[in-house]
Full PDB file with SEQRES, HELIX, SHEET, SSBOND, CRYST1, ORIGX, SCALE, CONECT and MASTER records, all heavy atoms in Angstrom:
SEQRES   1 A   32  GLY ARG PHE THR ILE SER ARG ASP LYS ALA LYS ASN THR          
SEQRES   2 A   32  VAL PHE LEU GLN MET ASN SER LEU LYS PRO GLU ASP THR          
SEQRES   3 A   32  ALA LEU TYR TYR CYS ALA                                      
HELIX    1 AA1 PRO A   23  ASP A   25  5                                   3    
SHEET    1 AA1 2 PHE A   3  ASP A   8  0                                        
SHEET    2 AA1 2 THR A  13  MET A  18 -1                                        
CRYST1    1.000    1.000    1.000  90.00  90.00  90.00 P 1           1          
ORIGX1      1.000000  0.000000  0.000000        0.00000                         
ORIGX2      0.000000  1.000000  0.000000        0.00000                         
ORIGX3      0.000000  0.000000  1.000000        0.00000                         
SCALE1      1.000000  0.000000  0.000000        0.00000                         
SCALE2      0.000000  1.000000  0.000000        0.00000                         
SCALE3      0.000000  0.000000  1.000000        0.00000                         
ATOM      1  N   GLY A   1     231.785 250.832-105.271  1.00  0.00           N  
ATOM      2  CA  GLY A   1     232.895 250.060-104.875  1.00  0.00           C  
ATOM      3  C   GLY A   1     234.298 250.636-105.215  1.00  0.00           C  
ATOM      4  O   GLY A   1     235.280 250.206-104.674  1.00  0.00           O  
ATOM      5  N   ARG A   2     234.294 251.510-106.236  1.00  0.00           N  
ATOM      6  CA  ARG A   2     235.446 252.164-106.731  1.00  0.00           C  
ATOM      7  C   ARG A   2     235.458 253.655-106.481  1.00  0.00           C  
ATOM      8  O   ARG A   2     236.593 254.203-106.290  1.00  0.00           O  
ATOM      9  CB  ARG A   2     235.684 251.832-108.190  1.00  0.00           C  
ATOM     10  CG  ARG A   2     235.862 250.325-108.495  1.00  0.00           C  
ATOM     11  CD  ARG A   2     236.241 250.130-109.962  1.00  0.00           C  
ATOM     12  NE  ARG A   2     235.244 250.593-110.939  1.00  0.00           N  
ATOM     13  CZ  ARG A   2     235.433 251.584-111.799  1.00  0.00           C  
ATOM     14  NH1 ARG A   2     236.673 252.019-112.090  1.00  0.00           N  
ATOM     15  NH2 ARG A   2     234.523 252.052-112.681  1.00  0.00           N  
ATOM     16  N   PHE A   3     234.250 254.259-106.613  1.00  0.00           N  
ATOM     17  CA  PHE A   3     234.166 255.736-106.534  1.00  0.00           C  
ATOM     18  C   PHE A   3     233.535 256.049-105.247  1.00  0.00           C  
ATOM     19  O   PHE A   3     232.664 255.445-104.698  1.00  0.00           O  
ATOM     20  CB  PHE A   3     233.350 256.304-107.699  1.00  0.00           C  
ATOM     21  CG  PHE A   3     233.896 256.114-109.011  1.00  0.00           C  
ATOM     22  CD1 PHE A   3     235.200 255.445-109.271  1.00  0.00           C  
ATOM     23  CD2 PHE A   3     233.277 256.662-110.122  1.00  0.00           C  
ATOM     24  CE1 PHE A   3     235.674 255.323-110.540  1.00  0.00           C  
ATOM     25  CE2 PHE A   3     233.833 256.484-111.421  1.00  0.00           C  
ATOM     26  CZ  PHE A   3     235.025 255.761-111.619  1.00  0.00           C  
ATOM     27  N   THR A   4     233.999 257.208-104.686  1.00  0.00           N  
ATOM     28  CA  THR A   4     233.491 257.753-103.516  1.00  0.00           C  
ATOM     29  C   THR A   4     233.176 259.277-103.629  1.00  0.00           C  
ATOM     30  O   THR A   4     234.037 259.995-104.013  1.00  0.00           O  
ATOM     31  CB  THR A   4     234.363 257.572-102.263  1.00  0.00           C  
ATOM     32  OG1 THR A   4     234.556 256.178-102.100  1.00  0.00           O  
ATOM     33  CG2 THR A   4     233.684 258.014-100.983  1.00  0.00           C  
ATOM     34  N   ILE A   5     231.943 259.627-103.285  1.00  0.00           N  
ATOM     35  CA  ILE A   5     231.555 261.129-103.310  1.00  0.00           C  
ATOM     36  C   ILE A   5     231.518 261.595-101.895  1.00  0.00           C  
ATOM     37  O   ILE A   5     231.025 260.878-101.033  1.00  0.00           O  
ATOM     38  CB  ILE A   5     230.202 261.335-103.972  1.00  0.00           C  
ATOM     39  CG1 ILE A   5     230.294 260.817-105.484  1.00  0.00           C  
ATOM     40  CG2 ILE A   5     229.799 262.698-103.899  1.00  0.00           C  
ATOM     41  CD1 ILE A   5     228.916 260.820-106.232  1.00  0.00           C  
ATOM     42  N   SER A   6     232.071 262.748-101.776  1.00  0.00           N  
ATOM     43  CA  SER A   6     232.057 263.403-100.389  1.00  0.00           C  
ATOM     44  C   SER A   6     231.976 264.908-100.631  1.00  0.00           C  
ATOM     45  O   SER A   6     232.062 265.379-101.709  1.00  0.00           O  
ATOM     46  CB  SER A   6     233.456 263.101 -99.583  1.00  0.00           C  
ATOM     47  OG  SER A   6     234.502 263.461-100.297  1.00  0.00           O  
ATOM     48  N   ARG A   7     231.754 265.672 -99.462  1.00  0.00           N  
ATOM     49  CA  ARG A   7     231.706 267.063 -99.620  1.00  0.00           C  
ATOM     50  C   ARG A   7     232.355 267.725 -98.444  1.00  0.00           C  
ATOM     51  O   ARG A   7     232.438 267.128 -97.373  1.00  0.00           O  
ATOM     52  CB  ARG A   7     230.209 267.494 -99.811  1.00  0.00           C  
ATOM     53  CG  ARG A   7     229.436 267.865 -98.513  1.00  0.00           C  
ATOM     54  CD  ARG A   7     229.103 266.647 -97.711  1.00  0.00           C  
ATOM     55  NE  ARG A   7     227.980 266.842 -96.872  1.00  0.00           N  
ATOM     56  CZ  ARG A   7     227.782 266.077 -95.804  1.00  0.00           C  
ATOM     57  NH1 ARG A   7     228.509 265.051 -95.424  1.00  0.00           N  
ATOM     58  NH2 ARG A   7     226.620 266.334 -95.031  1.00  0.00           N  
ATOM     59  N   ASP A   8     232.866 268.956 -98.619  1.00  0.00           N  
ATOM     60  CA  ASP A   8     233.409 269.780 -97.703  1.00  0.00           C  
ATOM     61  C   ASP A   8     232.533 270.968 -97.604  1.00  0.00           C  
ATOM     62  O   ASP A   8     232.567 271.929 -98.439  1.00  0.00           O  
ATOM     63  CB  ASP A   8     234.879 270.194 -97.959  1.00  0.00           C  
ATOM     64  CG  ASP A   8     235.467 270.869 -96.756  1.00  0.00           C  
ATOM     65  OD1 ASP A   8     234.771 271.577 -96.096  1.00  0.00           O  
ATOM     66  OD2 ASP A   8     236.678 270.881 -96.752  1.00  0.00           O  
ATOM     67  N   LYS A   9     231.681 270.967 -96.593  1.00  0.00           N  
ATOM     68  CA  LYS A   9     230.591 272.066 -96.473  1.00  0.00           C  
ATOM     69  C   LYS A   9     231.293 273.387 -96.221  1.00  0.00           C  
ATOM     70  O   LYS A   9     230.687 274.357 -96.665  1.00  0.00           O  
ATOM     71  CB  LYS A   9     229.543 271.714 -95.455  1.00  0.00           C  
ATOM     72  CG  LYS A   9     228.891 270.406 -95.782  1.00  0.00           C  
ATOM     73  CD  LYS A   9     227.905 270.072 -94.664  1.00  0.00           C  
ATOM     74  CE  LYS A   9     226.620 270.925 -94.649  1.00  0.00           C  
ATOM     75  NZ  LYS A   9     225.568 270.351 -93.683  1.00  0.00           N  
ATOM     76  N   ALA A  10     232.411 273.504 -95.611  1.00  0.00           N  
ATOM     77  CA  ALA A  10     233.102 274.728 -95.230  1.00  0.00           C  
ATOM     78  C   ALA A  10     233.610 275.320 -96.529  1.00  0.00           C  
ATOM     79  O   ALA A  10     233.736 276.598 -96.664  1.00  0.00           O  
ATOM     80  CB  ALA A  10     234.137 274.550 -94.241  1.00  0.00           C  
ATOM     81  N   LYS A  11     233.951 274.518 -97.498  1.00  0.00           N  
ATOM     82  CA  LYS A  11     234.555 275.002 -98.784  1.00  0.00           C  
ATOM     83  C   LYS A  11     233.572 275.053 -99.915  1.00  0.00           C  
ATOM     84  O   LYS A  11     233.983 275.237-101.007  1.00  0.00           O  
ATOM     85  CB  LYS A  11     235.756 274.088 -99.057  1.00  0.00           C  
ATOM     86  CG  LYS A  11     236.875 274.278 -98.058  1.00  0.00           C  
ATOM     87  CD  LYS A  11     238.070 273.430 -98.538  1.00  0.00           C  
ATOM     88  CE  LYS A  11     239.255 273.583 -97.559  1.00  0.00           C  
ATOM     89  NZ  LYS A  11     240.392 272.646 -97.921  1.00  0.00           N  
ATOM     90  N   ASN A  12     232.279 274.595 -99.592  1.00  0.00           N  
ATOM     91  CA  ASN A  12     231.350 274.473-100.754  1.00  0.00           C  
ATOM     92  C   ASN A  12     231.828 273.614-101.919  1.00  0.00           C  
ATOM     93  O   ASN A  12     231.709 274.070-103.078  1.00  0.00           O  
ATOM     94  CB  ASN A  12     230.937 275.832-101.198  1.00  0.00           C  
ATOM     95  CG  ASN A  12     230.020 276.569-100.202  1.00  0.00           C  
ATOM     96  OD1 ASN A  12     229.686 275.980 -99.202  1.00  0.00           O  
ATOM     97  ND2 ASN A  12     229.766 277.844-100.394  1.00  0.00           N  
ATOM     98  N   THR A  13     232.385 272.549-101.601  1.00  0.00           N  
ATOM     99  CA  THR A  13     233.042 271.786-102.597  1.00  0.00           C  
ATOM    100  C   THR A  13     232.692 270.181-102.440  1.00  0.00           C  
ATOM    101  O   THR A  13     232.550 269.767-101.347  1.00  0.00           O  
ATOM    102  CB  THR A  13     234.608 271.845-102.501  1.00  0.00           C  
ATOM    103  OG1 THR A  13     235.027 273.139-102.708  1.00  0.00           O  
ATOM    104  CG2 THR A  13     235.269 271.001-103.522  1.00  0.00           C  
ATOM    105  N   VAL A  14     232.458 269.695-103.510  1.00  0.00           N  
ATOM    106  CA  VAL A  14     232.159 268.202-103.588  1.00  0.00           C  
ATOM    107  C   VAL A  14     233.253 267.515-104.271  1.00  0.00           C  
ATOM    108  O   VAL A  14     233.882 268.075-105.275  1.00  0.00           O  
ATOM    109  CB  VAL A  14     230.752 267.965-104.301  1.00  0.00           C  
ATOM    110  CG1 VAL A  14     230.625 266.428-104.748  1.00  0.00           C  
ATOM    111  CG2 VAL A  14     229.658 268.483-103.413  1.00  0.00           C  
ATOM    112  N   PHE A  15     233.556 266.243-103.933  1.00  0.00           N  
ATOM    113  CA  PHE A  15     234.663 265.516-104.527  1.00  0.00           C  
ATOM    114  C   PHE A  15     234.181 264.194-104.976  1.00  0.00           C  
ATOM    115  O   PHE A  15     233.196 263.658-104.540  1.00  0.00           O  
ATOM    116  CB  PHE A  15     235.747 265.276-103.349  1.00  0.00           C  
ATOM    117  CG  PHE A  15     236.249 266.516-102.802  1.00  0.00           C  
ATOM    118  CD1 PHE A  15     235.643 266.890-101.442  1.00  0.00           C  
ATOM    119  CD2 PHE A  15     237.167 267.236-103.333  1.00  0.00           C  
ATOM    120  CE1 PHE A  15     236.260 268.044-100.845  1.00  0.00           C  
ATOM    121  CE2 PHE A  15     237.785 268.371-102.664  1.00  0.00           C  
ATOM    122  CZ  PHE A  15     237.216 268.773-101.484  1.00  0.00           C  
ATOM    123  N   LEU A  16     234.951 263.735-106.030  1.00  0.00           N  
ATOM    124  CA  LEU A  16     234.689 262.417-106.618  1.00  0.00           C  
ATOM    125  C   LEU A  16     235.985 261.787-106.489  1.00  0.00           C  
ATOM    126  O   LEU A  16     236.942 262.019-107.350  1.00  0.00           O  
ATOM    127  CB  LEU A  16     234.097 262.498-107.990  1.00  0.00           C  
ATOM    128  CG  LEU A  16     233.881 261.090-108.584  1.00  0.00           C  
ATOM    129  CD1 LEU A  16     232.956 260.245-107.880  1.00  0.00           C  
ATOM    130  CD2 LEU A  16     233.533 261.285-110.097  1.00  0.00           C  
ATOM    131  N   GLN A  17     236.193 260.877-105.615  1.00  0.00           N  
ATOM    132  CA  GLN A  17     237.471 260.048-105.506  1.00  0.00           C  
ATOM    133  C   GLN A  17     237.208 258.786-106.420  1.00  0.00           C  
ATOM    134  O   GLN A  17     236.299 258.021-106.058  1.00  0.00           O  
ATOM    135  CB  GLN A  17     237.656 259.707-104.039  1.00  0.00           C  
ATOM    136  CG  GLN A  17     238.897 258.846-103.838  1.00  0.00           C  
ATOM    137  CD  GLN A  17     240.212 259.535-104.154  1.00  0.00           C  
ATOM    138  OE1 GLN A  17     240.463 260.561-103.620  1.00  0.00           O  
ATOM    139  NE2 GLN A  17     241.143 258.830-104.942  1.00  0.00           N  
ATOM    140  N   MET A  18     238.102 258.534-107.303  1.00  0.00           N  
ATOM    141  CA  MET A  18     238.047 257.468-108.288  1.00  0.00           C  
ATOM    142  C   MET A  18     239.252 256.579-108.070  1.00  0.00           C  
ATOM    143  O   MET A  18     240.339 257.069-108.293  1.00  0.00           O  
ATOM    144  CB  MET A  18     237.864 257.942-109.718  1.00  0.00           C  
ATOM    145  CG  MET A  18     236.702 258.940-109.867  1.00  0.00           C  
ATOM    146  SD  MET A  18     236.487 259.372-111.584  1.00  0.00           S  
ATOM    147  CE  MET A  18     237.895 260.312-111.895  1.00  0.00           C  
ATOM    148  N   ASN A  19     239.050 255.368-107.717  1.00  0.00           N  
ATOM    149  CA  ASN A  19     240.181 254.441-107.534  1.00  0.00           C  
ATOM    150  C   ASN A  19     239.881 253.259-108.458  1.00  0.00           C  
ATOM    151  O   ASN A  19     238.854 253.106-109.065  1.00  0.00           O  
ATOM    152  CB  ASN A  19     240.127 253.861-106.177  1.00  0.00           C  
ATOM    153  CG  ASN A  19     240.339 254.903-105.120  1.00  0.00           C  
ATOM    154  OD1 ASN A  19     241.096 255.856-105.274  1.00  0.00           O  
ATOM    155  ND2 ASN A  19     239.711 254.822-103.858  1.00  0.00           N  
ATOM    156  N   SER A  20     240.992 252.516-108.763  1.00  0.00           N  
ATOM    157  CA  SER A  20     240.948 251.291-109.598  1.00  0.00           C  
ATOM    158  C   SER A  20     240.384 251.790-111.004  1.00  0.00           C  
ATOM    159  O   SER A  20     239.508 250.976-111.527  1.00  0.00           O  
ATOM    160  CB  SER A  20     240.125 250.276-108.909  1.00  0.00           C  
ATOM    161  OG  SER A  20     240.656 249.857-107.638  1.00  0.00           O  
ATOM    162  N   LEU A  21     240.841 252.785-111.503  1.00  0.00           N  
ATOM    163  CA  LEU A  21     240.303 253.274-112.724  1.00  0.00           C  
ATOM    164  C   LEU A  21     240.562 252.345-113.907  1.00  0.00           C  
ATOM    165  O   LEU A  21     241.593 251.648-113.960  1.00  0.00           O  
ATOM    166  CB  LEU A  21     240.943 254.716-113.082  1.00  0.00           C  
ATOM    167  CG  LEU A  21     240.296 255.738-112.191  1.00  0.00           C  
ATOM    168  CD1 LEU A  21     241.192 257.032-112.285  1.00  0.00           C  
ATOM    169  CD2 LEU A  21     238.865 256.102-112.743  1.00  0.00           C  
ATOM    170  N   LYS A  22     239.512 252.234-114.773  1.00  0.00           N  
ATOM    171  CA  LYS A  22     239.567 251.430-116.018  1.00  0.00           C  
ATOM    172  C   LYS A  22     239.542 252.367-117.231  1.00  0.00           C  
ATOM    173  O   LYS A  22     239.033 253.318-117.156  1.00  0.00           O  
ATOM    174  CB  LYS A  22     238.464 250.465-115.926  1.00  0.00           C  
ATOM    175  CG  LYS A  22     238.391 249.610-114.664  1.00  0.00           C  
ATOM    176  CD  LYS A  22     237.077 248.856-114.655  1.00  0.00           C  
ATOM    177  CE  LYS A  22     236.904 248.096-113.348  1.00  0.00           C  
ATOM    178  NZ  LYS A  22     235.692 247.187-113.426  1.00  0.00           N  
ATOM    179  N   PRO A  23     239.978 251.801-118.388  1.00  0.00           N  
ATOM    180  CA  PRO A  23     239.923 252.593-119.583  1.00  0.00           C  
ATOM    181  C   PRO A  23     238.396 253.031-119.915  1.00  0.00           C  
ATOM    182  O   PRO A  23     238.250 254.050-120.435  1.00  0.00           O  
ATOM    183  CB  PRO A  23     240.512 251.503-120.648  1.00  0.00           C  
ATOM    184  CG  PRO A  23     241.441 250.851-119.951  1.00  0.00           C  
ATOM    185  CD  PRO A  23     240.816 250.603-118.601  1.00  0.00           C  
ATOM    186  N   GLU A  24     237.479 252.190-119.560  1.00  0.00           N  
ATOM    187  CA  GLU A  24     236.106 252.498-119.784  1.00  0.00           C  
ATOM    188  C   GLU A  24     235.619 253.662-118.959  1.00  0.00           C  
ATOM    189  O   GLU A  24     234.435 254.116-119.215  1.00  0.00           O  
ATOM    190  CB  GLU A  24     235.239 251.265-119.551  1.00  0.00           C  
ATOM    191  CG  GLU A  24     235.409 250.445-118.373  1.00  0.00           C  
ATOM    192  CD  GLU A  24     236.368 249.287-118.490  1.00  0.00           C  
ATOM    193  OE1 GLU A  24     237.343 249.455-119.194  1.00  0.00           O  
ATOM    194  OE2 GLU A  24     235.950 248.193-118.083  1.00  0.00           O  
ATOM    195  N   ASP A  25     236.494 254.146-117.963  1.00  0.00           N  
ATOM    196  CA  ASP A  25     236.069 255.228-117.284  1.00  0.00           C  
ATOM    197  C   ASP A  25     236.465 256.630-117.913  1.00  0.00           C  
ATOM    198  O   ASP A  25     236.106 257.656-117.298  1.00  0.00           O  
ATOM    199  CB  ASP A  25     236.758 255.241-115.794  1.00  0.00           C  
ATOM    200  CG  ASP A  25     236.302 254.152-114.973  1.00  0.00           C  
ATOM    201  OD1 ASP A  25     235.041 253.879-114.870  1.00  0.00           O  
ATOM    202  OD2 ASP A  25     237.147 253.434-114.328  1.00  0.00           O  
ATOM    203  N   THR A  26     237.127 256.492-118.979  1.00  0.00           N  
ATOM    204  CA  THR A  26     237.522 257.679-119.779  1.00  0.00           C  
ATOM    205  C   THR A  26     236.313 258.339-120.193  1.00  0.00           C  
ATOM    206  O   THR A  26     235.422 257.796-120.902  1.00  0.00           O  
ATOM    207  CB  THR A  26     238.301 257.230-120.940  1.00  0.00           C  
ATOM    208  OG1 THR A  26     239.654 256.700-120.535  1.00  0.00           O  
ATOM    209  CG2 THR A  26     238.635 258.502-121.865  1.00  0.00           C  
ATOM    210  N   ALA A  27     236.219 259.657-119.862  1.00  0.00           N  
ATOM    211  CA  ALA A  27     235.076 260.440-120.082  1.00  0.00           C  
ATOM    212  C   ALA A  27     235.253 261.859-119.685  1.00  0.00           C  
ATOM    213  O   ALA A  27     236.231 262.219-118.999  1.00  0.00           O  
ATOM    214  CB  ALA A  27     233.801 259.870-119.415  1.00  0.00           C  
ATOM    215  N   LEU A  28     234.342 262.747-120.177  1.00  0.00           N  
ATOM    216  CA  LEU A  28     234.250 264.045-119.617  1.00  0.00           C  
ATOM    217  C   LEU A  28     233.332 264.064-118.422  1.00  0.00           C  
ATOM    218  O   LEU A  28     232.157 263.635-118.518  1.00  0.00           O  
ATOM    219  CB  LEU A  28     233.735 265.070-120.712  1.00  0.00           C  
ATOM    220  CG  LEU A  28     233.698 266.617-120.285  1.00  0.00           C  
ATOM    221  CD1 LEU A  28     235.107 267.108-120.052  1.00  0.00           C  
ATOM    222  CD2 LEU A  28     233.140 267.300-121.402  1.00  0.00           C  
ATOM    223  N   TYR A  29     233.822 264.425-117.254  1.00  0.00           N  
ATOM    224  CA  TYR A  29     233.052 264.311-116.012  1.00  0.00           C  
ATOM    225  C   TYR A  29     232.441 265.700-115.606  1.00  0.00           C  
ATOM    226  O   TYR A  29     233.181 266.633-115.643  1.00  0.00           O  
ATOM    227  CB  TYR A  29     233.919 263.826-114.961  1.00  0.00           C  
ATOM    228  CG  TYR A  29     234.217 262.390-114.912  1.00  0.00           C  
ATOM    229  CD1 TYR A  29     235.041 261.787-115.938  1.00  0.00           C  
ATOM    230  CD2 TYR A  29     233.608 261.440-114.029  1.00  0.00           C  
ATOM    231  CE1 TYR A  29     235.264 260.329-115.938  1.00  0.00           C  
ATOM    232  CE2 TYR A  29     233.779 260.110-114.150  1.00  0.00           C  
ATOM    233  CZ  TYR A  29     234.610 259.595-115.036  1.00  0.00           C  
ATOM    234  OH  TYR A  29     234.783 258.242-115.146  1.00  0.00           O  
ATOM    235  N   TYR A  30     231.173 265.666-115.421  1.00  0.00           N  
ATOM    236  CA  TYR A  30     230.500 266.861-115.081  1.00  0.00           C  
ATOM    237  C   TYR A  30     229.948 266.829-113.711  1.00  0.00           C  
ATOM    238  O   TYR A  30     229.404 265.868-113.194  1.00  0.00           O  
ATOM    239  CB  TYR A  30     229.176 267.090-116.058  1.00  0.00           C  
ATOM    240  CG  TYR A  30     229.534 267.248-117.470  1.00  0.00           C  
ATOM    241  CD1 TYR A  30     229.543 266.207-118.377  1.00  0.00           C  
ATOM    242  CD2 TYR A  30     229.755 268.499-117.958  1.00  0.00           C  
ATOM    243  CE1 TYR A  30     229.794 266.217-119.749  1.00  0.00           C  
ATOM    244  CE2 TYR A  30     229.986 268.672-119.403  1.00  0.00           C  
ATOM    245  CZ  TYR A  30     230.083 267.566-120.155  1.00  0.00           C  
ATOM    246  OH  TYR A  30     230.375 267.857-121.529  1.00  0.00           O  
ATOM    247  N   CYS A  31     230.028 267.988-113.061  1.00  0.00           N  
ATOM    248  CA  CYS A  31     229.326 268.291-111.761  1.00  0.00           C  
ATOM    249  C   CYS A  31     227.984 268.848-112.089  1.00  0.00           C  
ATOM    250  O   CYS A  31     227.875 269.661-112.938  1.00  0.00           O  
ATOM    251  CB  CYS A  31     230.214 269.105-110.971  1.00  0.00           C  
ATOM    252  SG  CYS A  31     229.501 269.548-109.396  1.00  0.00           S  
ATOM    253  N   ALA A  32     227.007 268.405-111.352  1.00  0.00           N  
ATOM    254  CA  ALA A  32     225.652 268.969-111.502  1.00  0.00           C  
ATOM    255  C   ALA A  32     224.995 269.202-110.059  1.00  0.00           C  
ATOM    256  O   ALA A  32     225.479 268.633-109.048  1.00  0.00           O  
ATOM    257  CB  ALA A  32     224.741 267.984-112.265  1.00  0.00           C  
TER     258      ALA A  32                                                      
MASTER        0    0    0    1    2    0    0    6  257    1    0    3          
END                                                                             
């Protein structure tokens, strides 16, 4: 409900759109 993952296949890139961020979202974010 707050985060959305998408990809751009032409750019070989994945995105993580994060909205309504909260302090508990503080972290090191890894792509896998």
